[in-house]
PDB file of N, CA and C in Angstrom:
ATOM      1  N   MET A   1      97.493 103.941  71.776  1.00  0.00           N
ATOM      2  CA  MET A   1      97.998 103.089  72.832  1.00  0.00           C
ATOM      3  C   MET A   1      97.585 103.661  74.180  1.00  0.00           C
ATOM      4  N   ARG A   2      97.474 102.773  75.145  1.00  0.00           N
ATOM      5  CA  ARG A   2      97.087 103.155  76.490  1.00  0.00           C
ATOM      6  C   ARG A   2      98.187 102.733  77.461  1.00  0.00           C
ATOM      7  N   ALA A   3      98.453 103.584  78.450  1.00  0.00           N
ATOM      8  CA  ALA A   3      99.461 103.298  79.470  1.00  0.00           C
ATOM      9  C   ALA A   3      98.772 103.230  80.822  1.00  0.00           C
ATOM     10  N   ILE A   4      99.103 102.197  81.563  1.00  0.00           N
ATOM     11  CA  ILE A   4      98.608 102.066  82.933  1.00  0.00           C
ATOM     12  C   ILE A   4      99.793 102.284  83.855  1.00  0.00           C
ATOM     13  N   ILE A   5      99.629 103.224  84.778  1.00  0.00           N
ATOM     14  CA  ILE A   5     100.623 103.468  85.819  1.00  0.00           C
ATOM     15  C   ILE A   5      99.984 102.992  87.118  1.00  0.00           C
ATOM     16  N   ALA A   6     100.641 102.080  87.789  1.00  0.00           N
ATOM     17  CA  ALA A   6     100.129 101.559  89.061  1.00  0.00           C
ATOM     18  C   ALA A   6     101.134 101.884  90.153  1.00  0.00           C
ATOM     19  N   TYR A   7     100.664 102.556  91.184  1.00  0.00           N
ATOM     20  CA  TYR A   7     101.473 102.866  92.357  1.00  0.00           C
ATOM     21  C   TYR A   7     101.076 101.868  93.433  1.00  0.00           C
ATOM     22  N   LEU A   8     101.990 100.998  93.821  1.00  0.00           N
ATOM     23  CA  LEU A   8     101.676  99.905  94.729  1.00  0.00           C
ATOM     24  C   LEU A   8     102.578  99.953  95.950  1.00  0.00           C
ATOM     25  N   THR A   9     101.990  99.709  97.103  1.00  0.00           N
ATOM     26  CA  THR A   9     102.759  99.647  98.337  1.00  0.00           C
ATOM     27  C   THR A   9     102.588  98.255  98.925  1.00  0.00           C
ATOM     28  N   ALA A  10     103.699  97.541  99.023  1.00  0.00           N
ATOM     29  CA  ALA A  10     103.673  96.206  99.615  1.00  0.00           C
ATOM     30  C   ALA A  10     103.585  96.328 101.133  1.00  0.00           C
ATOM     31  N   LYS A  11     103.014  95.325 101.749  1.00  0.00           N
ATOM     32  CA  LYS A  11     103.012  95.278 103.208  1.00  0.00           C
ATOM     33  C   LYS A  11     104.454  95.142 103.687  1.00  0.00           C
ATOM     34  N   PRO A  12     104.812  95.800 104.775  1.00  0.00           N
ATOM     35  CA  PRO A  12     106.181  95.678 105.298  1.00  0.00           C
ATOM     36  C   PRO A  12     106.549  94.213 105.530  1.00  0.00           C
ATOM     37  N   GLY A  13     107.746  93.855 105.075  1.00  0.00           N
ATOM     38  CA  GLY A  13     108.217  92.487 105.184  1.00  0.00           C
ATOM     39  C   GLY A  13     107.805  91.606 104.027  1.00  0.00           C
ATOM     40  N   LYS A  14     106.950  92.106 103.139  1.00  0.00           N
ATOM     41  CA  LYS A  14     106.454  91.333 101.988  1.00  0.00           C
ATOM     42  C   LYS A  14     107.048  91.810 100.671  1.00  0.00           C
ATOM     43  N   GLU A  15     108.027  92.712 100.751  1.00  0.00           N
ATOM     44  CA  GLU A  15     108.575  93.327  99.535  1.00  0.00           C
ATOM     45  C   GLU A  15     109.142  92.294  98.558  1.00  0.00           C
ATOM     46  N   ASP A  16     109.957  91.377  99.042  1.00  0.00           N
ATOM     47  CA  ASP A  16     110.580  90.397  98.148  1.00  0.00           C
ATOM     48  C   ASP A  16     109.546  89.454  97.547  1.00  0.00           C
ATOM     49  N   GLU A  17     108.582  89.038  98.354  1.00  0.00           N
ATOM     50  CA  GLU A  17     107.523  88.167  97.859  1.00  0.00           C
ATOM     51  C   GLU A  17     106.685  88.890  96.800  1.00  0.00           C
ATOM     52  N   PHE A  18     106.364  90.154  97.064  1.00  0.00           N
ATOM     53  CA  PHE A  18     105.597  90.939  96.107  1.00  0.00           C
ATOM     54  C   PHE A  18     106.383  91.124  94.814  1.00  0.00           C
ATOM     55  N   LYS A  19     107.665  91.483  94.943  1.00  0.00           N
ATOM     56  CA  LYS A  19     108.503  91.707  93.754  1.00  0.00           C
ATOM     57  C   LYS A  19     108.560  90.444  92.890  1.00  0.00           C
ATOM     58  N   ALA A  20     108.751  89.289  93.507  1.00  0.00           N
ATOM     59  CA  ALA A  20     108.816  88.029  92.755  1.00  0.00           C
ATOM     60  C   ALA A  20     107.481  87.728  92.069  1.00  0.00           C
ATOM     61  N   ALA A  21     106.390  87.911  92.797  1.00  0.00           N
ATOM     62  CA  ALA A  21     105.068  87.642  92.225  1.00  0.00           C
ATOM     63  C   ALA A  21     104.749  88.605  91.085  1.00  0.00           C
ATOM     64  N   MET A  22     105.085  89.881  91.273  1.00  0.00           N
ATOM     65  CA  MET A  22     104.749  90.893  90.271  1.00  0.00           C
ATOM     66  C   MET A  22     105.582  90.730  89.004  1.00  0.00           C
ATOM     67  N   THR A  23     106.862  90.438  89.146  1.00  0.00           N
ATOM     68  CA  THR A  23     107.687  90.266  87.944  1.00  0.00           C
ATOM     69  C   THR A  23     107.288  88.998  87.187  1.00  0.00           C
ATOM     70  N   ALA A  24     106.863  87.961  87.911  1.00  0.00           N
ATOM     71  CA  ALA A  24     106.367  86.746  87.236  1.00  0.00           C
ATOM     72  C   ALA A  24     105.076  87.050  86.487  1.00  0.00           C
ATOM     73  N   GLN A  25     104.209  87.849  87.092  1.00  0.00           N
ATOM     74  CA  GLN A  25     102.963  88.222  86.419  1.00  0.00           C
ATOM     75  C   GLN A  25     103.244  89.079  85.185  1.00  0.00           C
ATOM     76  N   ALA A  26     104.189  89.978  85.271  1.00  0.00           N
ATOM     77  CA  ALA A  26     104.559  90.793  84.110  1.00  0.00           C
ATOM     78  C   ALA A  26     105.003  89.898  82.959  1.00  0.00           C
ATOM     79  N   ALA A  27     105.823  88.901  83.258  1.00  0.00           N
ATOM     80  CA  ALA A  27     106.300  87.972  82.222  1.00  0.00           C
ATOM     81  C   ALA A  27     105.132  87.189  81.622  1.00  0.00           C
ATOM     82  N   ARG A  28     104.183  86.751  82.459  1.00  0.00           N
ATOM     83  CA  ARG A  28     103.001  86.027  81.955  1.00  0.00           C
ATOM     84  C   ARG A  28     102.175  86.907  81.019  1.00  0.00           C
ATOM     85  N   CYS A  29     101.984  88.153  81.403  1.00  0.00           N
ATOM     86  CA  CYS A  29     101.194  89.058  80.565  1.00  0.00           C
ATOM     87  C   CYS A  29     101.858  89.270  79.213  1.00  0.00           C
ATOM     88  N   LEU A  30     103.154  89.513  79.225  1.00  0.00           N
ATOM     89  CA  LEU A  30     103.875  89.723  77.966  1.00  0.00           C
ATOM     90  C   LEU A  30     103.868  88.469  77.089  1.00  0.00           C
ATOM     91  N   ALA A  31     103.947  87.308  77.705  1.00  0.00           N
ATOM     92  CA  ALA A  31     103.992  86.057  76.946  1.00  0.00           C
ATOM     93  C   ALA A  31     102.632  85.654  76.392  1.00  0.00           C
ATOM     94  N   ASN A  32     101.559  86.027  77.076  1.00  0.00           N
ATOM     95  CA  ASN A  32     100.237  85.502  76.724  1.00  0.00           C
ATOM     96  C   ASN A  32      99.246  86.512  76.178  1.00  0.00           C
ATOM     97  N   GLU A  33      99.607  87.776  76.182  1.00  0.00           N
ATOM     98  CA  GLU A  33      98.677  88.807  75.726  1.00  0.00           C
ATOM     99  C   GLU A  33      99.296  89.590  74.568  1.00  0.00           C
ATOM    100  N   PRO A  34      98.855  89.335  73.348  1.00  0.00           N
ATOM    101  CA  PRO A  34      99.420  90.056  72.198  1.00  0.00           C
ATOM    102  C   PRO A  34      99.255  91.574  72.299  1.00  0.00           C
ATOM    103  N   GLY A  35      98.226  92.041  72.988  1.00  0.00           N
ATOM    104  CA  GLY A  35      97.986  93.474  73.116  1.00  0.00           C
ATOM    105  C   GLY A  35      98.778  94.139  74.225  1.00  0.00           C
ATOM    106  N   CYS A  36      99.485  93.344  75.040  1.00  0.00           N
ATOM    107  CA  CYS A  36     100.343  93.895  76.096  1.00  0.00           C
ATOM    108  C   CYS A  36     101.718  94.136  75.483  1.00  0.00           C
ATOM    109  N   LEU A  37     102.064  95.399  75.308  1.00  0.00           N
ATOM    110  CA  LEU A  37     103.289  95.765  74.609  1.00  0.00           C
ATOM    111  C   LEU A  37     104.471  96.002  75.549  1.00  0.00           C
ATOM    112  N   GLN A  38     104.180  96.337  76.799  1.00  0.00           N
ATOM    113  CA  GLN A  38     105.239  96.606  77.774  1.00  0.00           C
ATOM    114  C   GLN A  38     104.664  96.377  79.161  1.00  0.00           C
ATOM    115  N   PHE A  39     105.481  95.827  80.051  1.00  0.00           N
ATOM    116  CA  PHE A  39     105.052  95.635  81.436  1.00  0.00           C
ATOM    117  C   PHE A  39     106.312  95.655  82.290  1.00  0.00           C
ATOM    118  N   ASP A  40     106.582  96.789  82.921  1.00  0.00           N
ATOM    119  CA  ASP A  40     107.779  96.951  83.741  1.00  0.00           C
ATOM    120  C   ASP A  40     107.394  97.198  85.188  1.00  0.00           C
ATOM    121  N   VAL A  41     108.225  96.679  86.085  1.00  0.00           N
ATOM    122  CA  VAL A  41     108.030  96.836  87.522  1.00  0.00           C
ATOM    123  C   VAL A  41     109.263  97.543  88.079  1.00  0.00           C
ATOM    124  N   ALA A  42     109.057  98.627  88.831  1.00  0.00           N
ATOM    125  CA  ALA A  42     110.167  99.381  89.435  1.00  0.00           C
ATOM    126  C   ALA A  42     109.947  99.456  90.936  1.00  0.00           C
ATOM    127  N   GLN A  43     111.061  99.403  91.686  1.00  0.00           N
ATOM    128  CA  GLN A  43     111.006  99.477  93.147  1.00  0.00           C
ATOM    129  C   GLN A  43     111.782 100.698  93.614  1.00  0.00           C
ATOM    130  N   ASP A  44     111.221 101.420  94.566  1.00  0.00           N
ATOM    131  CA  ASP A  44     111.860 102.603  95.134  1.00  0.00           C
ATOM    132  C   ASP A  44     113.023 102.161  96.029  1.00  0.00           C
ATOM    133  N   PRO A  45     114.264 102.540  95.699  1.00  0.00           N
ATOM    134  CA  PRO A  45     115.400 102.104  96.515  1.00  0.00           C
ATOM    135  C   PRO A  45     115.422 102.735  97.911  1.00  0.00           C
ATOM    136  N   LYS A  46     114.760 103.881  98.072  1.00  0.00           N
ATOM    137  CA  LYS A  46     114.737 104.550  99.376  1.00  0.00           C
ATOM    138  C   LYS A  46     113.612 104.040 100.270  1.00  0.00           C
ATOM    139  N   THR A  47     112.543 103.572  99.650  1.00  0.00           N
ATOM    140  CA  THR A  47     111.401 103.028 100.384  1.00  0.00           C
ATOM    141  C   THR A  47     111.020 101.713  99.712  1.00  0.00           C
ATOM    142  N   PRO A  48     111.642 100.614 100.108  1.00  0.00           N
ATOM    143  CA  PRO A  48     111.487  99.338  99.394  1.00  0.00           C
ATOM    144  C   PRO A  48     110.072  98.771  99.322  1.00  0.00           C
ATOM    145  N   THR A  49     109.157  99.299 100.110  1.00  0.00           N
ATOM    146  CA  THR A  49     107.770  98.827 100.007  1.00  0.00           C
ATOM    147  C   THR A  49     107.039  99.475  98.833  1.00  0.00           C
ATOM    148  N   ARG A  50     107.617 100.524  98.249  1.00  0.00           N
ATOM    149  CA  ARG A  50     106.965 101.258  97.154  1.00  0.00           C
ATOM    150  C   ARG A  50     107.390 100.722  95.794  1.00  0.00           C
ATOM    151  N   PHE A  51     106.391 100.458  94.956  1.00  0.00           N
ATOM    152  CA  PHE A  51     106.618  99.965  93.598  1.00  0.00           C
ATOM    153  C   PHE A  51     105.786 100.790  92.625  1.00  0.00           C
ATOM    154  N   VAL A  52     106.275 100.868  91.403  1.00  0.00           N
ATOM    155  CA  VAL A  52     105.514 101.479  90.312  1.00  0.00           C
ATOM    156  C   VAL A  52     105.559 100.500  89.151  1.00  0.00           C
ATOM    157  N   MET A  53     104.407 100.310  88.537  1.00  0.00           N
ATOM    158  CA  MET A  53     104.343  99.472  87.340  1.00  0.00           C
ATOM    159  C   MET A  53     103.943 100.342  86.163  1.00  0.00           C
ATOM    160  N   LEU A  54     104.575 100.091  85.030  1.00  0.00           N
ATOM    161  CA  LEU A  54     104.204 100.733  83.780  1.00  0.00           C
ATOM    162  C   LEU A  54     103.798  99.631  82.811  1.00  0.00           C
ATOM    163  N   GLU A  55     102.555  99.695  82.411  1.00  0.00           N
ATOM    164  CA  GLU A  55     102.031  98.734  81.442  1.00  0.00           C
ATOM    165  C   GLU A  55     101.575  99.523  80.219  1.00  0.00           C
ATOM    166  N   VAL A  56     101.897  99.030  79.037  1.00  0.00           N
ATOM    167  CA  VAL A  56     101.445  99.671  77.806  1.00  0.00           C
ATOM    168  C   VAL A  56     100.668  98.632  77.003  1.00  0.00           C
ATOM    169  N   TYR A  57      99.469  99.043  76.582  1.00  0.00           N
ATOM    170  CA  TYR A  57      98.582  98.162  75.833  1.00  0.00           C
ATOM    171  C   TYR A  57      98.236  98.799  74.492  1.00  0.00           C
ATOM    172  N   LYS A  58      97.975  97.947  73.532  1.00  0.00           N
ATOM    173  CA  LYS A  58      97.655  98.401  72.180  1.00  0.00           C
ATOM    174  C   LYS A  58      96.445  99.335  72.174  1.00  0.00           C
ATOM    175  N   ASP A  59      95.409  98.982  72.947  1.00  0.00           N
ATOM    176  CA  ASP A  59      94.178  99.773  72.967  1.00  0.00           C
ATOM    177  C   ASP A  59      93.318  99.343  74.154  1.00  0.00           C
ATOM    178  N   ASP A  60      92.134  99.915  74.259  1.00  0.00           N
ATOM    179  CA  ASP A  60      91.236  99.582  75.372  1.00  0.00           C
ATOM    180  C   ASP A  60      90.802  98.120  75.331  1.00  0.00           C
ATOM    181  N   GLU A  61      90.666  97.561  74.142  1.00  0.00           N
ATOM    182  CA  GLU A  61      90.290  96.154  74.021  1.00  0.00           C
ATOM    183  C   GLU A  61      91.381  95.251  74.599  1.00  0.00           C
ATOM    184  N   ALA A  62      92.635  95.659  74.438  1.00  0.00           N
ATOM    185  CA  ALA A  62      93.749  94.880  75.003  1.00  0.00           C
ATOM    186  C   ALA A  62      93.739  94.948  76.524  1.00  0.00           C
ATOM    187  N   ILE A  63      93.368  96.107  77.078  1.00  0.00           N
ATOM    188  CA  ILE A  63      93.246  96.218  78.543  1.00  0.00           C
ATOM    189  C   ILE A  63      92.112  95.324  79.031  1.00  0.00           C
ATOM    190  N   LYS A  64      91.008  95.318  78.314  1.00  0.00           N
ATOM    191  CA  LYS A  64      89.876  94.464  78.690  1.00  0.00           C
ATOM    192  C   LYS A  64      90.282  92.990  78.631  1.00  0.00           C
ATOM    193  N   ALA A  65      90.995  92.601  77.585  1.00  0.00           N
ATOM    194  CA  ALA A  65      91.466  91.213  77.466  1.00  0.00           C
ATOM    195  C   ALA A  65      92.400  90.867  78.619  1.00  0.00           C
ATOM    196  N   HIS A  66      93.242  91.817  79.019  1.00  0.00           N
ATOM    197  CA  HIS A  66      94.139  91.621  80.161  1.00  0.00           C
ATOM    198  C   HIS A  66      93.329  91.359  81.425  1.00  0.00           C
ATOM    199  N   GLN A  67      92.333  92.196  81.669  1.00  0.00           N
ATOM    200  CA  GLN A  67      91.527  92.078  82.884  1.00  0.00           C
ATOM    201  C   GLN A  67      90.651  90.832  82.898  1.00  0.00           C
ATOM    202  N   GLU A  68      90.342  90.307  81.735  1.00  0.00           N
ATOM    203  CA  GLU A  68      89.512  89.105  81.643  1.00  0.00           C
ATOM    204  C   GLU A  68      90.333  87.820  81.542  1.00  0.00           C
ATOM    205  N   SER A  69      91.659  87.948  81.441  1.00  0.00           N
ATOM    206  CA  SER A  69      92.502  86.757  81.307  1.00  0.00           C
ATOM    207  C   SER A  69      92.494  85.932  82.586  1.00  0.00           C
ATOM    208  N   GLN A  70      92.659  84.627  82.432  1.00  0.00           N
ATOM    209  CA  GLN A  70      92.654  83.753  83.606  1.00  0.00           C
ATOM    210  C   GLN A  70      93.849  84.030  84.505  1.00  0.00           C
ATOM    211  N   HIS A  71      95.016  84.328  83.910  1.00  0.00           N
ATOM    212  CA  HIS A  71      96.183  84.598  84.759  1.00  0.00           C
ATOM    213  C   HIS A  71      95.990  85.879  85.577  1.00  0.00           C
ATOM    214  N   PHE A  72      95.250  86.853  85.053  1.00  0.00           N
ATOM    215  CA  PHE A  72      94.938  88.060  85.824  1.00  0.00           C
ATOM    216  C   PHE A  72      93.995  87.714  86.974  1.00  0.00           C
ATOM    217  N   LYS A  73      92.939  86.964  86.678  1.00  0.00           N
ATOM    218  CA  LYS A  73      91.967  86.581  87.698  1.00  0.00           C
ATOM    219  C   LYS A  73      92.619  85.738  88.795  1.00  0.00           C
ATOM    220  N   ASP A  74      93.515  84.839  88.417  1.00  0.00           N
ATOM    221  CA  ASP A  74      94.209  83.995  89.390  1.00  0.00           C
ATOM    222  C   ASP A  74      95.178  84.803  90.248  1.00  0.00           C
ATOM    223  N   PHE A  75      95.742  85.851  89.680  1.00  0.00           N
ATOM    224  CA  PHE A  75      96.755  86.648  90.369  1.00  0.00           C
ATOM    225  C   PHE A  75      96.164  87.617  91.389  1.00  0.00           C
ATOM    226  N   ARG A  76      94.964  88.099  91.153  1.00  0.00           N
ATOM    227  CA  ARG A  76      94.359  89.115  92.026  1.00  0.00           C
ATOM    228  C   ARG A  76      94.365  88.725  93.513  1.00  0.00           C
ATOM    229  N   PRO A  77      93.913  87.519  93.887  1.00  0.00           N
ATOM    230  CA  PRO A  77      93.931  87.173  95.319  1.00  0.00           C
ATOM    231  C   PRO A  77      95.349  87.084  95.884  1.00  0.00           C
ATOM    232  N   THR A  78      96.294  86.625  95.092  1.00  0.00           N
ATOM    233  CA  THR A  78      97.684  86.518  95.541  1.00  0.00           C
ATOM    234  C   THR A  78      98.241  87.888  95.876  1.00  0.00           C
ATOM    235  N   VAL A  79      98.090  88.827  94.957  1.00  0.00           N
ATOM    236  CA  VAL A  79      98.657  90.154  95.160  1.00  0.00           C
ATOM    237  C   VAL A  79      97.897  90.924  96.240  1.00  0.00           C
ATOM    238  N   ALA A  80      96.610  90.663  96.387  1.00  0.00           N
ATOM    239  CA  ALA A  80      95.818  91.366  97.401  1.00  0.00           C
ATOM    240  C   ALA A  80      96.354  91.102  98.805  1.00  0.00           C
ATOM    241  N   GLU A  81      96.865  89.911  99.037  1.00  0.00           N
ATOM    242  CA  GLU A  81      97.399  89.556 100.355  1.00  0.00           C
ATOM    243  C   GLU A  81      98.742  90.237 100.642  1.00  0.00           C
ATOM    244  N   LEU A  82      99.399  90.723  99.608  1.00  0.00           N
ATOM    245  CA  LEU A  82     100.734  91.311  99.756  1.00  0.00           C
ATOM    246  C   LEU A  82     100.720  92.834  99.767  1.00  0.00           C
ATOM    247  N   LEU A  83      99.597  93.443  99.391  1.00  0.00           N
ATOM    248  CA  LEU A  83      99.526  94.897  99.227  1.00  0.00           C
ATOM    249  C   LEU A  83      98.907  95.620 100.415  1.00  0.00           C
ATOM    250  N   ALA A  84      99.491  96.747 100.747  1.00  0.00           N
ATOM    251  CA  ALA A  84      98.920  97.646 101.743  1.00  0.00           C
ATOM    252  C   ALA A  84      98.095  98.734 101.066  1.00  0.00           C
ATOM    253  N   ASP A  85      98.492  99.128  99.821  1.00  0.00           N
ATOM    254  CA  ASP A  85      97.807 100.217  99.125  1.00  0.00           C
ATOM    255  C   ASP A  85      98.094 100.117  97.637  1.00  0.00           C
ATOM    256  N   ARG A  86      97.156 100.622  96.842  1.00  0.00           N
ATOM    257  CA  ARG A  86      97.377 100.696  95.397  1.00  0.00           C
ATOM    258  C   ARG A  86      96.574 101.834  94.798  1.00  0.00           C
ATOM    259  N   LYS A  87      97.146 102.413  93.754  1.00  0.00           N
ATOM    260  CA  LYS A  87      96.479 103.476  92.998  1.00  0.00           C
ATOM    261  C   LYS A  87      96.785 103.205  91.531  1.00  0.00           C
ATOM    262  N   ILE A  88      95.755 103.171  90.707  1.00  0.00           N
ATOM    263  CA  ILE A  88      95.892 102.857  89.288  1.00  0.00           C
ATOM    264  C   ILE A  88      95.430 104.060  88.472  1.00  0.00           C
ATOM    265  N   GLU A  89      96.222 104.437  87.472  1.00  0.00           N
ATOM    266  CA  GLU A  89      95.840 105.510  86.558  1.00  0.00           C
ATOM    267  C   GLU A  89      96.031 105.013  85.127  1.00  0.00           C
ATOM    268  N   ILE A  90      95.125 105.418  84.242  1.00  0.00           N
ATOM    269  CA  ILE A  90      95.209 105.030  82.836  1.00  0.00           C
ATOM    270  C   ILE A  90      95.347 106.289  81.993  1.00  0.00           C
ATOM    271  N   PHE A  91      96.326 106.276  81.110  1.00  0.00           N
ATOM    272  CA  PHE A  91      96.630 107.415  80.243  1.00  0.00           C
ATOM    273  C   PHE A  91      96.601 106.992  78.778  1.00  0.00           C
ATOM    274  N   SER A  92      96.440 107.958  77.916  1.00  0.00           N
ATOM    275  CA  SER A  92      96.661 107.749  76.479  1.00  0.00           C
ATOM    276  C   SER A  92      98.117 108.068  76.204  1.00  0.00           C
ATOM    277  N   LEU A  93      98.799 107.194  75.515  1.00  0.00           N
ATOM    278  CA  LEU A  93     100.207 107.406  75.183  1.00  0.00           C
ATOM    279  C   LEU A  93     100.287 108.375  74.011  1.00  0.00           C
ATOM    280  N   VAL A  94     101.023 109.485  74.171  1.00  0.00           N
ATOM    281  CA  VAL A  94     101.094 110.490  73.112  1.00  0.00           C
ATOM    282  C   VAL A  94     102.430 110.463  72.374  1.00  0.00           C
ATOM    283  N   SER A  95     103.439 109.832  72.942  1.00  0.00           N
ATOM    284  CA  SER A  95     104.702 109.662  72.198  1.00  0.00           C
ATOM    285  C   SER A  95     104.561 108.421  71.309  1.00  0.00           C
ATOM    286  N   ASP A  96     105.594 108.104  70.574  1.00  0.00           N
ATOM    287  CA  ASP A  96     105.486 106.987  69.617  1.00  0.00           C
ATOM    288  C   ASP A  96     105.495 105.613  70.297  1.00  0.00           C
ATOM    289  N   GLY A  97     105.861 105.531  71.560  1.00  0.00           N
ATOM    290  CA  GLY A  97     105.832 104.254  72.269  1.00  0.00           C
ATOM    291  C   GLY A  97     106.916 103.279  71.868  1.00  0.00           C
ATOM    292  N   LYS A  98     107.895 103.734  71.114  1.00  0.00           N
ATOM    293  CA  LYS A  98     108.969 102.841  70.661  1.00  0.00           C
ATOM    294  C   LYS A  98     110.160 102.922  71.596  1.00  0.00           C
ATOM    295  N   THR A  99     110.901 101.825  71.660  1.00  0.00           N
ATOM    296  CA  THR A  99     112.128 101.799  72.444  1.00  0.00           C
ATOM    297  C   THR A  99     113.052 102.903  71.942  1.00  0.00           C
ATOM    298  N   LYS A 100     113.669 103.597  72.857  1.00  0.00           N
ATOM    299  CA  LYS A 100     114.472 104.767  72.493  1.00  0.00           C
ATOM    300  C   LYS A 100     115.916 104.433  72.132  1.00  0.00           C
ATOM    301  N   ARG A 101     116.333 103.212  72.316  1.00  0.00           N
ATOM    302  CA  ARG A 101     117.696 102.799  71.914  1.00  0.00           C
ATOM    303  C   ARG A 101     117.622 101.671  70.939  1.00  0.00           C
TER     304      ARG A 101
END
């Protein structure tokens, strides 16, 4: 399994719009991509412009399918207008990846 950690900074004043757009995109990915196993969005309570996303995919092919999906392509321009900065990292998941409760 592969994990994508995205560190995103919304433009000041765009936090709520970004949060709504990002959580809707997370739901679309989970609903339409069998290889997308988890997609969570977290917001820093001390710095509301800061967000972290955790995405877990079955494998590299699932990440490629995600990046080639129409909903991903349609979303890129929307989110680009709301972001001040982003950093993306991809990891191999070494734990079992199962829900802990």
